[in-house]
Every structure is written in structure tokens, then in C-alpha cells.
Amino acid sequence: MKLVPLADRVVLKHVEAEETTASGIVLPGQAKEQPQFAEVIAVGPGGMVDGNEVVMNVKVGDKVIYSKYAGNEVKLNKEEFVIVRQNDILAIVE
């Protein structure tokens, strides 16, 4: 099975955050925040969404930062994904 997003939706997979801070402090599990850094796994076709033409600006493989409470979490084949609208993606990390 695979996820195929519709319209302006994007499927993201969290990129594992480092468990040690830049200064060398190791973070316990509960001290870590929900990751907002992810890799794009699949991109919808865009098109007309709510009466507006949407052009998809992200592509598979891009590393992105997205809004903290955006999207829907989905578990498929023992992997966790987040499905968000393109406008919930804040930046592409290059």
C-alpha cells in the first residue's frame, strides 16, 4: 500500500531529531517537542482548490518545516506519516 495525496495535500515523514543539543546535553524522551522537520514523501497534483488555482511548490525528497499543529497523522505499514495542505508548509530546507 502507498499514500497518494489529493489536491493540494502533501505526505510528510518526520526526520528523526537529534537527541543531543548543540552544547552536548542529552534530552530525555518527554523533553523533546513534536518534530516540525520532515521529508516530503508524496505530493498531490494541485489544480483548483476552493476556487483558486494551486501550483505545487514542493517535490518528493524535499526537507521541509511545517506548522506545529498542522495536518493529520496516519499510520501505514507500521510507519507514521503526516498529511498536510501545502499552505501549512512554512519553508523548504536547502
PDB file of N, CA and C in Angstrom:
ATOM      1  N   MET A   1       0.830  -1.187   0.000  1.00  0.00           N
ATOM      2  CA  MET A   1       0.000   0.000   0.000  1.00  0.00           C
ATOM      3  C   MET A   1       0.869   1.243   0.000  1.00  0.00           C
ATOM      4  N   LYS A   2       0.369   2.300  -0.633  1.00  0.00           N
ATOM      5  CA  LYS A   2       1.070   3.580  -0.581  1.00  0.00           C
ATOM      6  C   LYS A   2       0.053   4.705  -0.511  1.00  0.00           C
ATOM      7  N   LEU A   3       0.491   5.839   0.005  1.00  0.00           N
ATOM      8  CA  LEU A   3      -0.381   7.010   0.123  1.00  0.00           C
ATOM      9  C   LEU A   3      -0.255   7.875  -1.126  1.00  0.00           C
ATOM     10  N   VAL A   4      -1.383   8.233  -1.715  1.00  0.00           N
ATOM     11  CA  VAL A   4      -1.418   9.125  -2.871  1.00  0.00           C
ATOM     12  C   VAL A   4      -2.298  10.313  -2.478  1.00  0.00           C
ATOM     13  N   PRO A   5      -1.681  11.474  -2.197  1.00  0.00           N
ATOM     14  CA  PRO A   5      -2.473  12.626  -1.750  1.00  0.00           C
ATOM     15  C   PRO A   5      -3.292  13.236  -2.881  1.00  0.00           C
ATOM     16  N   LEU A   6      -4.400  13.866  -2.517  1.00  0.00           N
ATOM     17  CA  LEU A   6      -5.285  14.524  -3.473  1.00  0.00           C
ATOM     18  C   LEU A   6      -5.111  16.037  -3.374  1.00  0.00           C
ATOM     19  N   ALA A   7      -5.468  16.731  -4.435  1.00  0.00           N
ATOM     20  CA  ALA A   7      -5.489  18.207  -4.493  1.00  0.00           C
ATOM     21  C   ALA A   7      -4.178  18.802  -3.996  1.00  0.00           C
ATOM     22  N   ASP A   8      -4.247  19.682  -2.994  1.00  0.00           N
ATOM     23  CA  ASP A   8      -3.048  20.384  -2.522  1.00  0.00           C
ATOM     24  C   ASP A   8      -2.448  19.743  -1.277  1.00  0.00           C
ATOM     25  N   ARG A   9      -2.664  18.435  -1.094  1.00  0.00           N
ATOM     26  CA  ARG A   9      -2.141  17.738   0.077  1.00  0.00           C
ATOM     27  C   ARG A   9      -0.730  17.221  -0.181  1.00  0.00           C
ATOM     28  N   VAL A  10       0.041  17.113   0.914  1.00  0.00           N
ATOM     29  CA  VAL A  10       1.420  16.627   0.853  1.00  0.00           C
ATOM     30  C   VAL A  10       1.599  15.612   1.978  1.00  0.00           C
ATOM     31  N   VAL A  11       2.219  14.472   1.675  1.00  0.00           N
ATOM     32  CA  VAL A  11       2.502  13.456   2.689  1.00  0.00           C
ATOM     33  C   VAL A  11       3.924  13.672   3.176  1.00  0.00           C
ATOM     34  N   LEU A  12       4.081  13.790   4.510  1.00  0.00           N
ATOM     35  CA  LEU A  12       5.382  14.034   5.124  1.00  0.00           C
ATOM     36  C   LEU A  12       5.746  12.899   6.065  1.00  0.00           C
ATOM     37  N   LYS A  13       7.040  12.656   6.205  1.00  0.00           N
ATOM     38  CA  LYS A  13       7.539  11.698   7.193  1.00  0.00           C
ATOM     39  C   LYS A  13       8.538  12.435   8.059  1.00  0.00           C
ATOM     40  N   HIS A  14       8.338  12.343   9.376  1.00  0.00           N
ATOM     41  CA  HIS A  14       9.231  13.034  10.301  1.00  0.00           C
ATOM     42  C   HIS A  14      10.666  12.576  10.114  1.00  0.00           C
ATOM     43  N   VAL A  15      11.581  13.544  10.183  1.00  0.00           N
ATOM     44  CA  VAL A  15      13.003  13.242  10.183  1.00  0.00           C
ATOM     45  C   VAL A  15      13.401  13.203  11.646  1.00  0.00           C
ATOM     46  N   GLU A  16      14.068  12.143  12.056  1.00  0.00           N
ATOM     47  CA  GLU A  16      14.424  11.981  13.466  1.00  0.00           C
ATOM     48  C   GLU A  16      15.272  13.150  13.946  1.00  0.00           C
ATOM     49  N   ALA A  17      14.817  13.755  15.038  1.00  0.00           N
ATOM     50  CA  ALA A  17      15.546  14.867  15.638  1.00  0.00           C
ATOM     51  C   ALA A  17      16.718  14.322  16.446  1.00  0.00           C
ATOM     52  N   GLU A  18      17.771  15.112  16.540  1.00  0.00           N
ATOM     53  CA  GLU A  18      18.908  14.701  17.341  1.00  0.00           C
ATOM     54  C   GLU A  18      18.526  14.706  18.801  1.00  0.00           C
ATOM     55  N   GLU A  19      19.046  13.751  19.548  1.00  0.00           N
ATOM     56  CA  GLU A  19      18.710  13.645  20.953  1.00  0.00           C
ATOM     57  C   GLU A  19      19.698  14.378  21.836  1.00  0.00           C
ATOM     58  N   THR A  20      20.685  15.015  21.230  1.00  0.00           N
ATOM     59  CA  THR A  20      21.667  15.781  21.980  1.00  0.00           C
ATOM     60  C   THR A  20      21.661  17.210  21.451  1.00  0.00           C
ATOM     61  N   THR A  21      21.641  18.192  22.354  1.00  0.00           N
ATOM     62  CA  THR A  21      21.663  19.593  21.934  1.00  0.00           C
ATOM     63  C   THR A  21      23.053  19.957  21.437  1.00  0.00           C
ATOM     64  N   ALA A  22      23.170  21.141  20.839  1.00  0.00           N
ATOM     65  CA  ALA A  22      24.462  21.603  20.321  1.00  0.00           C
ATOM     66  C   ALA A  22      25.509  21.706  21.425  1.00  0.00           C
ATOM     67  N   SER A  23      25.077  21.984  22.651  1.00  0.00           N
ATOM     68  CA  SER A  23      26.023  22.111  23.765  1.00  0.00           C
ATOM     69  C   SER A  23      26.338  20.771  24.418  1.00  0.00           C
ATOM     70  N   GLY A  24      25.766  19.669  23.900  1.00  0.00           N
ATOM     71  CA  GLY A  24      26.090  18.344  24.399  1.00  0.00           C
ATOM     72  C   GLY A  24      25.133  17.789  25.433  1.00  0.00           C
ATOM     73  N   ILE A  25      24.011  18.467  25.689  1.00  0.00           N
ATOM     74  CA  ILE A  25      23.037  17.991  26.667  1.00  0.00           C
ATOM     75  C   ILE A  25      22.145  16.943  26.006  1.00  0.00           C
ATOM     76  N   VAL A  26      22.018  15.788  26.653  1.00  0.00           N
ATOM     77  CA  VAL A  26      21.181  14.717  26.131  1.00  0.00           C
ATOM     78  C   VAL A  26      19.749  14.952  26.618  1.00  0.00           C
ATOM     79  N   LEU A  27      18.790  14.950  25.685  1.00  0.00           N
ATOM     80  CA  LEU A  27      17.392  15.202  26.025  1.00  0.00           C
ATOM     81  C   LEU A  27      16.652  13.897  26.302  1.00  0.00           C
ATOM     82  N   PRO A  28      15.956  13.803  27.442  1.00  0.00           N
ATOM     83  CA  PRO A  28      15.118  12.622  27.668  1.00  0.00           C
ATOM     84  C   PRO A  28      13.901  12.662  26.746  1.00  0.00           C
ATOM     85  N   GLY A  29      13.216  11.527  26.564  1.00  0.00           N
ATOM     86  CA  GLY A  29      12.094  11.406  25.636  1.00  0.00           C
ATOM     87  C   GLY A  29      11.012  12.443  25.820  1.00  0.00           C
ATOM     88  N   GLN A  30      10.574  12.715  27.046  1.00  0.00           N
ATOM     89  CA  GLN A  30       9.470  13.648  27.252  1.00  0.00           C
ATOM     90  C   GLN A  30       9.882  15.099  27.086  1.00  0.00           C
ATOM     91  N   ALA A  31      11.177  15.410  27.070  1.00  0.00           N
ATOM     92  CA  ALA A  31      11.619  16.802  26.930  1.00  0.00           C
ATOM     93  C   ALA A  31      11.617  17.251  25.476  1.00  0.00           C
ATOM     94  N   LYS A  32      11.570  16.300  24.549  1.00  0.00           N
ATOM     95  CA  LYS A  32      11.598  16.648  23.132  1.00  0.00           C
ATOM     96  C   LYS A  32      10.226  17.111  22.676  1.00  0.00           C
ATOM     97  N   GLU A  33      10.205  18.140  21.844  1.00  0.00           N
ATOM     98  CA  GLU A  33       8.944  18.623  21.288  1.00  0.00           C
ATOM     99  C   GLU A  33       8.583  17.808  20.052  1.00  0.00           C
ATOM    100  N   GLN A  34       7.330  17.937  19.641  1.00  0.00           N
ATOM    101  CA  GLN A  34       6.867  17.311  18.411  1.00  0.00           C
ATOM    102  C   GLN A  34       7.717  17.844  17.255  1.00  0.00           C
ATOM    103  N   PRO A  35       8.330  16.974  16.452  1.00  0.00           N
ATOM    104  CA  PRO A  35       9.166  17.463  15.355  1.00  0.00           C
ATOM    105  C   PRO A  35       8.349  18.214  14.306  1.00  0.00           C
ATOM    106  N   GLN A  36       8.935  19.263  13.769  1.00  0.00           N
ATOM    107  CA  GLN A  36       8.300  20.040  12.712  1.00  0.00           C
ATOM    108  C   GLN A  36       9.129  19.962  11.437  1.00  0.00           C
ATOM    109  N   PHE A  37      10.140  19.136  11.438  1.00  0.00           N
ATOM    110  CA  PHE A  37      11.042  18.973  10.320  1.00  0.00           C
ATOM    111  C   PHE A  37      10.729  17.619   9.699  1.00  0.00           C
ATOM    112  N   ALA A  38      10.460  17.609   8.397  1.00  0.00           N
ATOM    113  CA  ALA A  38      10.045  16.361   7.760  1.00  0.00           C
ATOM    114  C   ALA A  38      10.530  16.298   6.319  1.00  0.00           C
ATOM    115  N   GLU A  39      10.433  15.091   5.762  1.00  0.00           N
ATOM    116  CA  GLU A  39      10.767  14.866   4.354  1.00  0.00           C
ATOM    117  C   GLU A  39       9.477  14.636   3.597  1.00  0.00           C
ATOM    118  N   VAL A  40       9.393  15.209   2.393  1.00  0.00           N
ATOM    119  CA  VAL A  40       8.215  15.039   1.542  1.00  0.00           C
ATOM    120  C   VAL A  40       8.274  13.655   0.908  1.00  0.00           C
ATOM    121  N   ILE A  41       7.206  12.871   1.130  1.00  0.00           N
ATOM    122  CA  ILE A  41       7.121  11.507   0.609  1.00  0.00           C
ATOM    123  C   ILE A  41       6.270  11.455  -0.664  1.00  0.00           C
ATOM    124  N   ALA A  42       5.191  12.251  -0.709  1.00  0.00           N
ATOM    125  CA  ALA A  42       4.302  12.284  -1.876  1.00  0.00           C
ATOM    126  C   ALA A  42       3.639  13.651  -1.962  1.00  0.00           C
ATOM    127  N   VAL A  43       3.329  14.076  -3.185  1.00  0.00           N
ATOM    128  CA  VAL A  43       2.734  15.394  -3.428  1.00  0.00           C
ATOM    129  C   VAL A  43       1.498  15.225  -4.297  1.00  0.00           C
ATOM    130  N   GLY A  44       0.413  15.896  -3.911  1.00  0.00           N
ATOM    131  CA  GLY A  44      -0.815  15.878  -4.705  1.00  0.00           C
ATOM    132  C   GLY A  44      -0.635  16.652  -6.009  1.00  0.00           C
ATOM    133  N   PRO A  45      -1.597  16.561  -6.908  1.00  0.00           N
ATOM    134  CA  PRO A  45      -1.474  17.195  -8.216  1.00  0.00           C
ATOM    135  C   PRO A  45      -1.726  18.702  -8.234  1.00  0.00           C
ATOM    136  N   GLY A  46      -2.261  19.261  -7.149  1.00  0.00           N
ATOM    137  CA  GLY A  46      -2.615  20.693  -7.171  1.00  0.00           C
ATOM    138  C   GLY A  46      -3.913  20.875  -7.906  1.00  0.00           C
ATOM    139  N   GLY A  47      -3.993  21.915  -8.745  1.00  0.00           N
ATOM    140  CA  GLY A  47      -5.218  22.166  -9.502  1.00  0.00           C
ATOM    141  C   GLY A  47      -6.118  23.165  -8.813  1.00  0.00           C
ATOM    142  N   MET A  48      -7.414  23.083  -9.064  1.00  0.00           N
ATOM    143  CA  MET A  48      -8.379  24.010  -8.467  1.00  0.00           C
ATOM    144  C   MET A  48      -8.743  23.549  -7.056  1.00  0.00           C
ATOM    145  N   VAL A  49      -8.472  24.417  -6.077  1.00  0.00           N
ATOM    146  CA  VAL A  49      -8.796  24.136  -4.681  1.00  0.00           C
ATOM    147  C   VAL A  49      -9.535  25.349  -4.136  1.00  0.00           C
ATOM    148  N   ASP A  50     -10.772  25.155  -3.701  1.00  0.00           N
ATOM    149  CA  ASP A  50     -11.607  26.240  -3.180  1.00  0.00           C
ATOM    150  C   ASP A  50     -11.715  27.413  -4.160  1.00  0.00           C
ATOM    151  N   GLY A  51     -11.788  27.097  -5.449  1.00  0.00           N
ATOM    152  CA  GLY A  51     -11.952  28.123  -6.470  1.00  0.00           C
ATOM    153  C   GLY A  51     -10.671  28.830  -6.885  1.00  0.00           C
ATOM    154  N   ASN A  52      -9.537  28.420  -6.329  1.00  0.00           N
ATOM    155  CA  ASN A  52      -8.250  29.026  -6.683  1.00  0.00           C
ATOM    156  C   ASN A  52      -7.325  27.988  -7.301  1.00  0.00           C
ATOM    157  N   GLU A  53      -6.534  28.417  -8.271  1.00  0.00           N
ATOM    158  CA  GLU A  53      -5.547  27.541  -8.903  1.00  0.00           C
ATOM    159  C   GLU A  53      -4.366  27.368  -7.958  1.00  0.00           C
ATOM    160  N   VAL A  54      -4.016  26.118  -7.644  1.00  0.00           N
ATOM    161  CA  VAL A  54      -2.895  25.835  -6.749  1.00  0.00           C
ATOM    162  C   VAL A  54      -1.794  25.131  -7.535  1.00  0.00           C
ATOM    163  N   VAL A  55      -0.592  25.713  -7.513  1.00  0.00           N
ATOM    164  CA  VAL A  55       0.586  25.115  -8.128  1.00  0.00           C
ATOM    165  C   VAL A  55       1.432  24.545  -7.004  1.00  0.00           C
ATOM    166  N   MET A  56       1.810  23.298  -7.108  1.00  0.00           N
ATOM    167  CA  MET A  56       2.587  22.663  -6.047  1.00  0.00           C
ATOM    168  C   MET A  56       4.049  23.106  -6.136  1.00  0.00           C
ATOM    169  N   ASN A  57       4.559  23.626  -5.013  1.00  0.00           N
ATOM    170  CA  ASN A  57       5.924  24.158  -4.964  1.00  0.00           C
ATOM    171  C   ASN A  57       6.921  23.209  -4.317  1.00  0.00           C
ATOM    172  N   VAL A  58       6.440  22.118  -3.746  1.00  0.00           N
ATOM    173  CA  VAL A  58       7.342  21.146  -3.133  1.00  0.00           C
ATOM    174  C   VAL A  58       7.376  19.900  -4.000  1.00  0.00           C
ATOM    175  N   LYS A  59       8.433  19.126  -3.837  1.00  0.00           N
ATOM    176  CA  LYS A  59       8.562  17.888  -4.606  1.00  0.00           C
ATOM    177  C   LYS A  59       9.038  16.775  -3.678  1.00  0.00           C
ATOM    178  N   VAL A  60       8.871  15.556  -4.091  1.00  0.00           N
ATOM    179  CA  VAL A  60       9.289  14.402  -3.303  1.00  0.00           C
ATOM    180  C   VAL A  60      10.780  14.517  -3.000  1.00  0.00           C
ATOM    181  N   GLY A  61      11.131  14.279  -1.748  1.00  0.00           N
ATOM    182  CA  GLY A  61      12.534  14.340  -1.331  1.00  0.00           C
ATOM    183  C   GLY A  61      12.923  15.649  -0.659  1.00  0.00           C
ATOM    184  N   ASP A  62      12.103  16.708  -0.817  1.00  0.00           N
ATOM    185  CA  ASP A  62      12.394  17.987  -0.159  1.00  0.00           C
ATOM    186  C   ASP A  62      12.327  17.809   1.351  1.00  0.00           C
ATOM    187  N   LYS A  63      13.208  18.510   2.058  1.00  0.00           N
ATOM    188  CA  LYS A  63      13.137  18.596   3.519  1.00  0.00           C
ATOM    189  C   LYS A  63      12.406  19.896   3.822  1.00  0.00           C
ATOM    190  N   VAL A  64      11.380  19.826   4.678  1.00  0.00           N
ATOM    191  CA  VAL A  64      10.544  20.998   4.933  1.00  0.00           C
ATOM    192  C   VAL A  64      10.310  21.204   6.429  1.00  0.00           C
ATOM    193  N   ILE A  65       9.903  22.418   6.757  1.00  0.00           N
ATOM    194  CA  ILE A  65       9.436  22.768   8.091  1.00  0.00           C
ATOM    195  C   ILE A  65       7.971  23.125   7.941  1.00  0.00           C
ATOM    196  N   TYR A  66       7.129  22.553   8.809  1.00  0.00           N
ATOM    197  CA  TYR A  66       5.693  22.799   8.686  1.00  0.00           C
ATOM    198  C   TYR A  66       5.122  23.304  10.001  1.00  0.00           C
ATOM    199  N   SER A  67       3.910  23.839   9.963  1.00  0.00           N
ATOM    200  CA  SER A  67       3.246  24.385  11.143  1.00  0.00           C
ATOM    201  C   SER A  67       3.127  23.329  12.237  1.00  0.00           C
ATOM    202  N   LYS A  68       3.287  23.764  13.459  1.00  0.00           N
ATOM    203  CA  LYS A  68       3.364  22.855  14.602  1.00  0.00           C
ATOM    204  C   LYS A  68       2.149  21.936  14.754  1.00  0.00           C
ATOM    205  N   TYR A  69       0.953  22.463  14.611  1.00  0.00           N
ATOM    206  CA  TYR A  69      -0.243  21.651  14.842  1.00  0.00           C
ATOM    207  C   TYR A  69      -0.996  21.344  13.558  1.00  0.00           C
ATOM    208  N   ALA A  70      -0.315  21.360  12.433  1.00  0.00           N
ATOM    209  CA  ALA A  70      -0.955  21.148  11.137  1.00  0.00           C
ATOM    210  C   ALA A  70      -1.086  19.664  10.818  1.00  0.00           C
ATOM    211  N   GLY A  71      -2.052  19.354   9.992  1.00  0.00           N
ATOM    212  CA  GLY A  71      -2.160  18.044   9.377  1.00  0.00           C
ATOM    213  C   GLY A  71      -2.819  16.965  10.202  1.00  0.00           C
ATOM    214  N   ASN A  72      -2.870  15.798   9.588  1.00  0.00           N
ATOM    215  CA  ASN A  72      -3.443  14.595  10.190  1.00  0.00           C
ATOM    216  C   ASN A  72      -2.389  13.509  10.212  1.00  0.00           C
ATOM    217  N   GLU A  73      -2.217  12.893  11.362  1.00  0.00           N
ATOM    218  CA  GLU A  73      -1.253  11.802  11.471  1.00  0.00           C
ATOM    219  C   GLU A  73      -1.898  10.511  10.995  1.00  0.00           C
ATOM    220  N   VAL A  74      -1.132   9.729  10.233  1.00  0.00           N
ATOM    221  CA  VAL A  74      -1.614   8.476   9.655  1.00  0.00           C
ATOM    222  C   VAL A  74      -0.548   7.414   9.879  1.00  0.00           C
ATOM    223  N   LYS A  75      -0.976   6.208  10.246  1.00  0.00           N
ATOM    224  CA  LYS A  75      -0.046   5.093  10.405  1.00  0.00           C
ATOM    225  C   LYS A  75      -0.350   4.082   9.319  1.00  0.00           C
ATOM    226  N   LEU A  76       0.671   3.724   8.527  1.00  0.00           N
ATOM    227  CA  LEU A  76       0.500   2.792   7.413  1.00  0.00           C
ATOM    228  C   LEU A  76       1.729   1.906   7.340  1.00  0.00           C
ATOM    229  N   ASN A  77       1.528   0.598   7.318  1.00  0.00           N
ATOM    230  CA  ASN A  77       2.637  -0.357   7.269  1.00  0.00           C
ATOM    231  C   ASN A  77       3.654  -0.108   8.378  1.00  0.00           C
ATOM    232  N   LYS A  78       3.175   0.162   9.586  1.00  0.00           N
ATOM    233  CA  LYS A  78       3.993   0.397  10.776  1.00  0.00           C
ATOM    234  C   LYS A  78       4.857   1.654  10.690  1.00  0.00           C
ATOM    235  N   GLU A  79       4.570   2.534   9.749  1.00  0.00           N
ATOM    236  CA  GLU A  79       5.268   3.814   9.635  1.00  0.00           C
ATOM    237  C   GLU A  79       4.266   4.929   9.870  1.00  0.00           C
ATOM    238  N   GLU A  80       4.740   6.037  10.454  1.00  0.00           N
ATOM    239  CA  GLU A  80       3.870   7.171  10.726  1.00  0.00           C
ATOM    240  C   GLU A  80       4.144   8.297   9.740  1.00  0.00           C
ATOM    241  N   PHE A  81       3.057   8.865   9.219  1.00  0.00           N
ATOM    242  CA  PHE A  81       3.127   9.965   8.270  1.00  0.00           C
ATOM    243  C   PHE A  81       2.222  11.088   8.741  1.00  0.00           C
ATOM    244  N   VAL A  82       2.444  12.284   8.192  1.00  0.00           N
ATOM    245  CA  VAL A  82       1.564  13.418   8.434  1.00  0.00           C
ATOM    246  C   VAL A  82       1.106  13.918   7.072  1.00  0.00           C
ATOM    247  N   ILE A  83      -0.201  14.121   6.911  1.00  0.00           N
ATOM    248  CA  ILE A  83      -0.733  14.669   5.664  1.00  0.00           C
ATOM    249  C   ILE A  83      -1.145  16.111   5.943  1.00  0.00           C
ATOM    250  N   VAL A  84      -0.539  17.048   5.219  1.00  0.00           N
ATOM    251  CA  VAL A  84      -0.806  18.476   5.415  1.00  0.00           C
ATOM    252  C   VAL A  84      -1.184  19.112   4.081  1.00  0.00           C
ATOM    253  N   ARG A  85      -1.811  20.285   4.155  1.00  0.00           N
ATOM    254  CA  ARG A  85      -2.022  21.094   2.951  1.00  0.00           C
ATOM    255  C   ARG A  85      -0.706  21.806   2.640  1.00  0.00           C
ATOM    256  N   GLN A  86      -0.491  22.103   1.386  1.00  0.00           N
ATOM    257  CA  GLN A  86       0.749  22.786   1.008  1.00  0.00           C
ATOM    258  C   GLN A  86       0.922  24.093   1.764  1.00  0.00           C
ATOM    259  N   ASN A  87      -0.164  24.825   2.021  1.00  0.00           N
ATOM    260  CA  ASN A  87      -0.020  26.118   2.707  1.00  0.00           C
ATOM    261  C   ASN A  87       0.343  25.976   4.182  1.00  0.00           C
ATOM    262  N   ASP A  88       0.364  24.747   4.739  1.00  0.00           N
ATOM    263  CA  ASP A  88       0.842  24.525   6.097  1.00  0.00           C
ATOM    264  C   ASP A  88       2.357  24.338   6.143  1.00  0.00           C
ATOM    265  N   ILE A  89       2.980  24.212   4.963  1.00  0.00           N
ATOM    266  CA  ILE A  89       4.445  24.092   4.900  1.00  0.00           C
ATOM    267  C   ILE A  89       5.013  25.494   4.913  1.00  0.00           C
ATOM    268  N   LEU A  90       5.905  25.748   5.875  1.00  0.00           N
ATOM    269  CA  LEU A  90       6.451  27.084   6.074  1.00  0.00           C
ATOM    270  C   LEU A  90       7.706  27.346   5.245  1.00  0.00           C
ATOM    271  N   ALA A  91       8.543  26.320   5.067  1.00  0.00           N
ATOM    272  CA  ALA A  91       9.814  26.535   4.359  1.00  0.00           C
ATOM    273  C   ALA A  91      10.362  25.217   3.827  1.00  0.00           C
ATOM    274  N   ILE A  92      11.157  25.335   2.779  1.00  0.00           N
ATOM    275  CA  ILE A  92      11.938  24.209   2.269  1.00  0.00           C
ATOM    276  C   ILE A  92      13.361  24.421   2.768  1.00  0.00           C
ATOM    277  N   VAL A  93      13.946  23.392   3.361  1.00  0.00           N
ATOM    278  CA  VAL A  93      15.308  23.482   3.887  1.00  0.00           C
ATOM    279  C   VAL A  93      16.272  23.003   2.805  1.00  0.00           C
ATOM    280  N   GLU A  94      17.203  23.881   2.431  1.00  0.00           N
ATOM    281  CA  GLU A  94      18.176  23.513   1.375  1.00  0.00           C
ATOM    282  C   GLU A  94      19.540  23.269   1.969  1.00  0.00           C
TER     283      GLU A  94
END
